[in-house]
Amino acid sequence: MLENNHSKSHQNGASAPDVDSGPRDQRLPLKTAENVRSELARIYRDGKFGKRDVSDVSRLANVLNIMARLIETSDLESRLEKLEKLQQS
């Protein structure tokens, strides 16, 4: 499903085009909101140009949005901890 780069079928049973997403080492590490944004844009383009099934794009976009929120929350927690430490000094 999500780890599969090739959509095997649409909900109606038709085959989707294969997606050549390139070598694995060219993929972005999804460690920053900017990386997640770039990946989301790439997946959107894949769907827009028929390289990926729209239902796959939707599922992946949902996961990426969750990841972006988690990164944002983690960043805010880290910044808050630093501010609290400064205030205690």
N, C-alpha and C. Protein backbone atom coordinates (compact mmCIF):
# COMPACT_ATOMS: atom_id res chain seq x y z
N MET A 1 0.82 -1.19 0.00
CA MET A 1 0.00 0.00 0.00
C MET A 1 0.87 1.25 0.00
N LEU A 2 1.10 1.86 1.15
CA LEU A 2 1.85 3.11 1.20
C LEU A 2 3.30 2.92 0.80
N GLU A 3 3.89 1.76 1.13
CA GLU A 3 5.27 1.54 0.78
C GLU A 3 5.43 1.10 -0.67
N ASN A 4 4.35 0.79 -1.34
CA ASN A 4 4.37 0.34 -2.71
C ASN A 4 4.37 1.53 -3.65
N ASN A 5 5.37 1.62 -4.52
CA ASN A 5 5.47 2.74 -5.44
C ASN A 5 4.62 2.57 -6.69
N HIS A 6 4.11 1.39 -6.92
CA HIS A 6 3.34 1.13 -8.13
C HIS A 6 1.90 0.81 -7.75
N SER A 7 0.98 1.59 -8.28
CA SER A 7 -0.42 1.32 -8.01
C SER A 7 -0.86 0.20 -8.93
N LYS A 8 -1.35 -0.89 -8.36
CA LYS A 8 -1.71 -2.05 -9.16
C LYS A 8 -3.11 -1.95 -9.75
N SER A 9 -4.01 -1.27 -9.06
CA SER A 9 -5.36 -1.18 -9.60
C SER A 9 -6.11 -0.01 -9.02
N HIS A 10 -7.01 0.50 -9.81
CA HIS A 10 -7.95 1.52 -9.35
C HIS A 10 -9.08 0.81 -8.64
N GLN A 11 -9.96 1.55 -8.06
CA GLN A 11 -11.10 0.92 -7.41
C GLN A 11 -11.98 0.21 -8.43
N ASN A 12 -11.98 0.68 -9.66
CA ASN A 12 -12.81 0.05 -10.69
C ASN A 12 -12.11 -1.13 -11.36
N GLY A 13 -10.88 -1.47 -10.93
CA GLY A 13 -10.19 -2.63 -11.46
C GLY A 13 -9.24 -2.33 -12.60
N ALA A 14 -9.24 -1.11 -13.12
CA ALA A 14 -8.34 -0.78 -14.21
C ALA A 14 -6.92 -0.61 -13.70
N SER A 15 -5.96 -0.95 -14.53
CA SER A 15 -4.56 -0.79 -14.14
C SER A 15 -4.15 0.66 -14.19
N ALA A 16 -3.35 1.06 -13.22
CA ALA A 16 -2.79 2.42 -13.19
C ALA A 16 -1.40 2.37 -13.80
N PRO A 17 -0.94 3.49 -14.34
CA PRO A 17 0.41 3.51 -14.90
C PRO A 17 1.45 3.31 -13.80
N ASP A 18 2.56 2.67 -14.18
CA ASP A 18 3.66 2.48 -13.24
C ASP A 18 4.31 3.82 -12.96
N VAL A 19 4.87 3.94 -11.77
CA VAL A 19 5.54 5.17 -11.37
C VAL A 19 7.01 4.85 -11.16
N ASP A 20 7.86 5.54 -11.89
CA ASP A 20 9.29 5.40 -11.67
C ASP A 20 9.72 6.58 -10.82
N SER A 21 9.85 6.33 -9.52
CA SER A 21 10.18 7.42 -8.61
C SER A 21 11.68 7.58 -8.43
N GLY A 22 12.47 6.87 -9.19
CA GLY A 22 13.91 7.05 -9.16
C GLY A 22 14.57 6.25 -8.04
N PRO A 23 15.89 6.35 -8.00
CA PRO A 23 16.64 5.61 -6.98
C PRO A 23 16.25 6.05 -5.57
N ARG A 24 16.29 5.12 -4.66
CA ARG A 24 15.89 5.37 -3.29
C ARG A 24 16.73 6.46 -2.62
N ASP A 25 18.00 6.57 -2.97
CA ASP A 25 18.86 7.55 -2.32
C ASP A 25 18.54 8.99 -2.74
N GLN A 26 17.69 9.18 -3.74
CA GLN A 26 17.30 10.51 -4.17
C GLN A 26 16.06 11.01 -3.44
N ARG A 27 15.47 10.18 -2.63
CA ARG A 27 14.29 10.58 -1.89
C ARG A 27 14.69 11.45 -0.71
N LEU A 28 13.83 12.40 -0.41
CA LEU A 28 14.08 13.30 0.71
C LEU A 28 13.84 12.61 2.04
N PRO A 29 14.70 12.89 3.00
CA PRO A 29 14.35 12.44 4.34
C PRO A 29 13.23 13.35 4.84
N LEU A 30 12.20 12.79 5.38
CA LEU A 30 11.05 13.59 5.80
C LEU A 30 11.21 14.04 7.24
N LYS A 31 12.26 14.84 7.47
CA LYS A 31 12.59 15.28 8.82
C LYS A 31 12.20 16.73 9.09
N THR A 32 11.90 17.49 8.05
CA THR A 32 11.52 18.88 8.24
C THR A 32 10.19 19.14 7.52
N ALA A 33 9.52 20.19 7.94
CA ALA A 33 8.26 20.55 7.28
C ALA A 33 8.50 20.86 5.81
N GLU A 34 9.64 21.45 5.49
CA GLU A 34 9.96 21.77 4.09
C GLU A 34 10.13 20.49 3.27
N ASN A 35 10.78 19.47 3.84
CA ASN A 35 10.91 18.18 3.15
C ASN A 35 9.55 17.56 2.89
N VAL A 36 8.69 17.61 3.89
CA VAL A 36 7.34 17.05 3.75
C VAL A 36 6.56 17.82 2.69
N ARG A 37 6.70 19.15 2.68
CA ARG A 37 6.03 19.98 1.68
C ARG A 37 6.49 19.60 0.27
N SER A 38 7.78 19.41 0.11
CA SER A 38 8.32 19.03 -1.20
C SER A 38 7.80 17.67 -1.65
N GLU A 39 7.75 16.73 -0.73
CA GLU A 39 7.24 15.39 -1.05
C GLU A 39 5.76 15.45 -1.40
N LEU A 40 5.02 16.25 -0.66
CA LEU A 40 3.59 16.43 -0.94
C LEU A 40 3.39 17.02 -2.33
N ALA A 41 4.20 17.99 -2.69
CA ALA A 41 4.12 18.59 -4.03
C ALA A 41 4.45 17.56 -5.11
N ARG A 42 5.46 16.72 -4.86
CA ARG A 42 5.85 15.70 -5.84
C ARG A 42 4.71 14.69 -6.04
N ILE A 43 4.12 14.27 -4.95
CA ILE A 43 3.02 13.31 -5.04
C ILE A 43 1.81 13.92 -5.74
N TYR A 44 1.55 15.19 -5.45
CA TYR A 44 0.45 15.89 -6.13
C TYR A 44 0.69 15.90 -7.64
N ARG A 45 1.91 16.23 -8.04
CA ARG A 45 2.22 16.26 -9.49
C ARG A 45 2.06 14.87 -10.10
N ASP A 46 2.50 13.83 -9.37
CA ASP A 46 2.33 12.46 -9.87
C ASP A 46 0.86 12.17 -10.15
N GLY A 47 -0.01 12.58 -9.25
CA GLY A 47 -1.45 12.36 -9.44
C GLY A 47 -2.00 13.20 -10.57
N LYS A 48 -1.58 14.46 -10.61
CA LYS A 48 -2.08 15.38 -11.63
C LYS A 48 -1.75 14.90 -13.04
N PHE A 49 -0.57 14.32 -13.20
CA PHE A 49 -0.15 13.89 -14.53
C PHE A 49 -0.36 12.40 -14.78
N GLY A 50 -1.15 11.76 -13.90
CA GLY A 50 -1.53 10.37 -14.12
C GLY A 50 -0.45 9.34 -13.82
N LYS A 51 0.60 9.73 -13.11
CA LYS A 51 1.66 8.78 -12.78
C LYS A 51 1.32 7.97 -11.53
N ARG A 52 0.33 8.41 -10.78
CA ARG A 52 -0.06 7.72 -9.55
C ARG A 52 -1.57 7.81 -9.44
N ASP A 53 -2.19 6.75 -8.98
CA ASP A 53 -3.63 6.70 -8.80
C ASP A 53 -4.05 7.77 -7.79
N VAL A 54 -5.14 8.45 -8.07
CA VAL A 54 -5.61 9.55 -7.23
C VAL A 54 -5.91 9.07 -5.81
N SER A 55 -6.42 7.87 -5.66
CA SER A 55 -6.70 7.37 -4.31
C SER A 55 -5.40 7.18 -3.52
N ASP A 56 -4.32 6.76 -4.20
CA ASP A 56 -3.02 6.65 -3.55
C ASP A 56 -2.51 8.03 -3.15
N VAL A 57 -2.69 9.00 -4.03
CA VAL A 57 -2.27 10.37 -3.74
C VAL A 57 -2.99 10.88 -2.50
N SER A 58 -4.27 10.62 -2.41
CA SER A 58 -5.06 11.07 -1.27
C SER A 58 -4.56 10.44 0.02
N ARG A 59 -4.33 9.13 0.00
CA ARG A 59 -3.84 8.45 1.21
C ARG A 59 -2.47 8.97 1.62
N LEU A 60 -1.57 9.09 0.66
CA LEU A 60 -0.22 9.58 0.96
C LEU A 60 -0.25 11.03 1.45
N ALA A 61 -1.10 11.84 0.84
CA ALA A 61 -1.21 13.24 1.27
C ALA A 61 -1.71 13.32 2.72
N ASN A 62 -2.63 12.47 3.09
CA ASN A 62 -3.12 12.45 4.47
C ASN A 62 -1.99 12.09 5.44
N VAL A 63 -1.21 11.09 5.10
CA VAL A 63 -0.08 10.69 5.95
C VAL A 63 0.94 11.82 6.04
N LEU A 64 1.24 12.46 4.91
CA LEU A 64 2.20 13.56 4.91
C LEU A 64 1.70 14.74 5.74
N ASN A 65 0.42 15.01 5.69
CA ASN A 65 -0.14 16.08 6.51
C ASN A 65 -0.01 15.77 8.00
N ILE A 66 -0.21 14.52 8.37
CA ILE A 66 -0.02 14.11 9.76
C ILE A 66 1.45 14.29 10.15
N MET A 67 2.35 13.86 9.27
CA MET A 67 3.77 14.01 9.55
C MET A 67 4.15 15.48 9.72
N ALA A 68 3.60 16.34 8.88
CA ALA A 68 3.91 17.78 8.98
C ALA A 68 3.45 18.33 10.33
N ARG A 69 2.27 17.92 10.78
CA ARG A 69 1.77 18.38 12.09
C ARG A 69 2.65 17.86 13.23
N LEU A 70 3.10 16.62 13.13
CA LEU A 70 3.98 16.06 14.15
C LEU A 70 5.32 16.79 14.19
N ILE A 71 5.86 17.09 13.03
CA ILE A 71 7.12 17.85 12.97
C ILE A 71 6.94 19.22 13.58
N GLU A 72 5.86 19.88 13.22
CA GLU A 72 5.58 21.21 13.75
C GLU A 72 5.45 21.17 15.27
N THR A 73 4.72 20.19 15.78
CA THR A 73 4.54 20.06 17.23
C THR A 73 5.88 19.79 17.92
N SER A 74 6.67 18.92 17.34
CA SER A 74 7.98 18.60 17.91
C SER A 74 8.88 19.83 17.93
N ASP A 75 8.86 20.60 16.84
CA ASP A 75 9.66 21.83 16.78
C ASP A 75 9.21 22.83 17.84
N LEU A 76 7.90 22.98 17.99
CA LEU A 76 7.37 23.90 18.99
C LEU A 76 7.73 23.45 20.41
N GLU A 77 7.66 22.15 20.67
CA GLU A 77 8.04 21.63 21.99
C GLU A 77 9.51 21.94 22.28
N SER A 78 10.35 21.73 21.29
CA SER A 78 11.78 21.98 21.45
C SER A 78 12.05 23.47 21.73
N ARG A 79 11.39 24.33 20.98
CA ARG A 79 11.56 25.77 21.19
C ARG A 79 11.05 26.19 22.56
N LEU A 80 9.93 25.63 22.99
CA LEU A 80 9.37 25.95 24.30
C LEU A 80 10.32 25.51 25.42
N GLU A 81 10.88 24.31 25.28
CA GLU A 81 11.84 23.83 26.28
C GLU A 81 13.03 24.77 26.40
N LYS A 82 13.54 25.24 25.28
CA LYS A 82 14.68 26.17 25.29
C LYS A 82 14.31 27.48 25.98
N LEU A 83 13.13 27.98 25.68
CA LEU A 83 12.68 29.22 26.32
C LEU A 83 12.51 29.03 27.83
N GLU A 84 11.96 27.90 28.22
CA GLU A 84 11.78 27.63 29.65
C GLU A 84 13.12 27.53 30.37
N LYS A 85 14.11 26.92 29.74
CA LYS A 85 15.44 26.81 30.33
C LYS A 85 16.07 28.21 30.46
N LEU A 86 15.89 29.05 29.45
CA LEU A 86 16.43 30.41 29.51
C LEU A 86 15.76 31.20 30.63
N GLN A 87 14.49 31.00 30.80
CA GLN A 87 13.74 31.73 31.82
C GLN A 87 14.16 31.28 33.23
N GLN A 88 14.51 30.03 33.39
CA GLN A 88 14.94 29.51 34.69
C GLN A 88 16.35 29.96 35.06
N SER A 89 17.14 30.32 34.09
CA SER A 89 18.54 30.73 34.34
C SER A 89 18.64 32.06 35.00
